[in-house]
Amino acid sequence: MDFVWFLLIGLAAGYLAGQIMKRGSAGIVGDLIIGVIGAILGGAIIGFLGFRGSGLLASLITATVGAIVLLVALNFIRKR
């Protein structure tokens, strides 16, 4: 069941990151991929900074932050 929550949080985080970055939705699969990679990246960033959080909201925030960082990095790479 944890894997299902991980996927749902990744999907929500990918969608939120797209909306925050004014990019819109990348579709269900695209949002899921961005969100899942963002969750892994966000967990690494938040852990490196020394923050700890637990629960659904903390997971969503962490994944969204990671997805935003991922989108910024992708935009930077595309412009080069």
C-alpha atoms as a PDB file:
ATOM      1  CA  MET A   1       0.000   0.000   0.000  1.00  0.00           C
ATOM      2  CA  ASP A   2       2.942   2.331   0.623  1.00  0.00           C
ATOM      3  CA  PHE A   3       3.918   2.043  -3.037  1.00  0.00           C
ATOM      4  CA  VAL A   4       0.437   3.166  -4.103  1.00  0.00           C
ATOM      5  CA  TRP A   5       0.699   6.223  -1.820  1.00  0.00           C
ATOM      6  CA  PHE A   6       4.160   6.941  -3.247  1.00  0.00           C
ATOM      7  CA  LEU A   7       2.714   6.932  -6.768  1.00  0.00           C
ATOM      8  CA  LEU A   8      -0.285   9.079  -5.808  1.00  0.00           C
ATOM      9  CA  ILE A   9       1.933  11.625  -4.048  1.00  0.00           C
ATOM     10  CA  GLY A  10       4.267  11.624  -7.058  1.00  0.00           C
ATOM     11  CA  LEU A  11       1.346  12.245  -9.394  1.00  0.00           C
ATOM     12  CA  ALA A  12       0.063  15.117  -7.250  1.00  0.00           C
ATOM     13  CA  ALA A  13       3.548  16.596  -6.860  1.00  0.00           C
ATOM     14  CA  GLY A  14       4.218  16.474 -10.604  1.00  0.00           C
ATOM     15  CA  TYR A  15       0.917  18.205 -11.296  1.00  0.00           C
ATOM     16  CA  LEU A  16       1.520  20.861  -8.611  1.00  0.00           C
ATOM     17  CA  ALA A  17       5.047  21.532  -9.840  1.00  0.00           C
ATOM     18  CA  GLY A  18       3.758  22.005 -13.385  1.00  0.00           C
ATOM     19  CA  GLN A  19       1.155  24.479 -12.164  1.00  0.00           C
ATOM     20  CA  ILE A  20       3.635  26.388  -9.994  1.00  0.00           C
ATOM     21  CA  MET A  21       6.138  26.604 -12.846  1.00  0.00           C
ATOM     22  CA  LYS A  22       3.347  27.776 -15.223  1.00  0.00           C
ATOM     23  CA  ARG A  23       4.057  24.771 -17.388  1.00  0.00           C
ATOM     24  CA  GLY A  24       0.707  23.083 -17.045  1.00  0.00           C
ATOM     25  CA  SER A  25       0.124  19.396 -16.798  1.00  0.00           C
ATOM     26  CA  ALA A  26       2.394  16.978 -18.634  1.00  0.00           C
ATOM     27  CA  GLY A  27      -0.350  14.373 -18.696  1.00  0.00           C
ATOM     28  CA  ILE A  28      -0.870  11.621 -16.175  1.00  0.00           C
ATOM     29  CA  VAL A  29       2.253   9.664 -17.105  1.00  0.00           C
ATOM     30  CA  GLY A  30       4.439  12.771 -17.419  1.00  0.00           C
ATOM     31  CA  ASP A  31       3.224  14.171 -14.082  1.00  0.00           C
ATOM     32  CA  LEU A  32       3.815  10.790 -12.461  1.00  0.00           C
ATOM     33  CA  ILE A  33       7.370  10.534 -13.796  1.00  0.00           C
ATOM     34  CA  ILE A  34       8.210  14.124 -12.822  1.00  0.00           C
ATOM     35  CA  GLY A  35       6.671  13.638  -9.385  1.00  0.00           C
ATOM     36  CA  VAL A  36       8.360  10.311  -8.631  1.00  0.00           C
ATOM     37  CA  ILE A  37      11.788  11.568  -9.704  1.00  0.00           C
ATOM     38  CA  GLY A  38      11.031  14.775  -7.810  1.00  0.00           C
ATOM     39  CA  ALA A  39      10.157  12.799  -4.677  1.00  0.00           C
ATOM     40  CA  ILE A  40      13.516  11.046  -4.779  1.00  0.00           C
ATOM     41  CA  LEU A  41      15.367  14.288  -5.527  1.00  0.00           C
ATOM     42  CA  GLY A  42      13.377  16.231  -2.921  1.00  0.00           C
ATOM     43  CA  GLY A  43      14.071  13.591  -0.287  1.00  0.00           C
ATOM     44  CA  ALA A  44      17.785  13.886  -0.970  1.00  0.00           C
ATOM     45  CA  ILE A  45      17.705  17.697  -0.853  1.00  0.00           C
ATOM     46  CA  ILE A  46      15.592  17.907   2.300  1.00  0.00           C
ATOM     47  CA  GLY A  47      17.703  15.223   3.997  1.00  0.00           C
ATOM     48  CA  PHE A  48      20.918  17.016   3.033  1.00  0.00           C
ATOM     49  CA  LEU A  49      19.567  20.230   4.572  1.00  0.00           C
ATOM     50  CA  GLY A  50      18.810  18.347   7.783  1.00  0.00           C
ATOM     51  CA  PHE A  51      15.039  18.717   7.808  1.00  0.00           C
ATOM     52  CA  ARG A  52      12.808  15.895   8.964  1.00  0.00           C
ATOM     53  CA  GLY A  53       9.137  15.480   8.361  1.00  0.00           C
ATOM     54  CA  SER A  54       6.612  12.723   8.386  1.00  0.00           C
ATOM     55  CA  GLY A  55       3.120  12.318   7.145  1.00  0.00           C
ATOM     56  CA  LEU A  56       1.243  12.914   3.956  1.00  0.00           C
ATOM     57  CA  LEU A  57       1.674  16.700   3.829  1.00  0.00           C
ATOM     58  CA  ALA A  58       5.432  16.559   4.444  1.00  0.00           C
ATOM     59  CA  SER A  59       5.787  13.926   1.717  1.00  0.00           C
ATOM     60  CA  LEU A  60       3.775  16.022  -0.725  1.00  0.00           C
ATOM     61  CA  ILE A  61       5.798  19.152   0.018  1.00  0.00           C
ATOM     62  CA  THR A  62       9.087  17.267  -0.306  1.00  0.00           C
ATOM     63  CA  ALA A  63       8.072  15.682  -3.611  1.00  0.00           C
ATOM     64  CA  THR A  64       6.783  18.994  -4.973  1.00  0.00           C
ATOM     65  CA  VAL A  65      10.005  20.807  -4.066  1.00  0.00           C
ATOM     66  CA  GLY A  66      12.016  18.079  -5.771  1.00  0.00           C
ATOM     67  CA  ALA A  67       9.790  18.192  -8.855  1.00  0.00           C
ATOM     68  CA  ILE A  68      10.196  21.969  -9.088  1.00  0.00           C
ATOM     69  CA  VAL A  69      13.989  21.611  -8.850  1.00  0.00           C
ATOM     70  CA  LEU A  70      13.819  18.953 -11.568  1.00  0.00           C
ATOM     71  CA  LEU A  71      11.738  21.198 -13.858  1.00  0.00           C
ATOM     72  CA  VAL A  72      14.103  24.135 -13.307  1.00  0.00           C
ATOM     73  CA  ALA A  73      17.065  21.914 -14.171  1.00  0.00           C
ATOM     74  CA  LEU A  74      15.320  20.594 -17.286  1.00  0.00           C
ATOM     75  CA  ASN A  75      14.457  24.140 -18.407  1.00  0.00           C
ATOM     76  CA  PHE A  76      18.096  25.165 -17.896  1.00  0.00           C
ATOM     77  CA  ILE A  77      19.352  22.213 -19.938  1.00  0.00           C
ATOM     78  CA  ARG A  78      16.864  22.864 -22.768  1.00  0.00           C
ATOM     79  CA  LYS A  79      17.943  26.501 -23.065  1.00  0.00           C
ATOM     80  CA  ARG A  80      21.574  25.510 -23.591  1.00  0.00           C
END
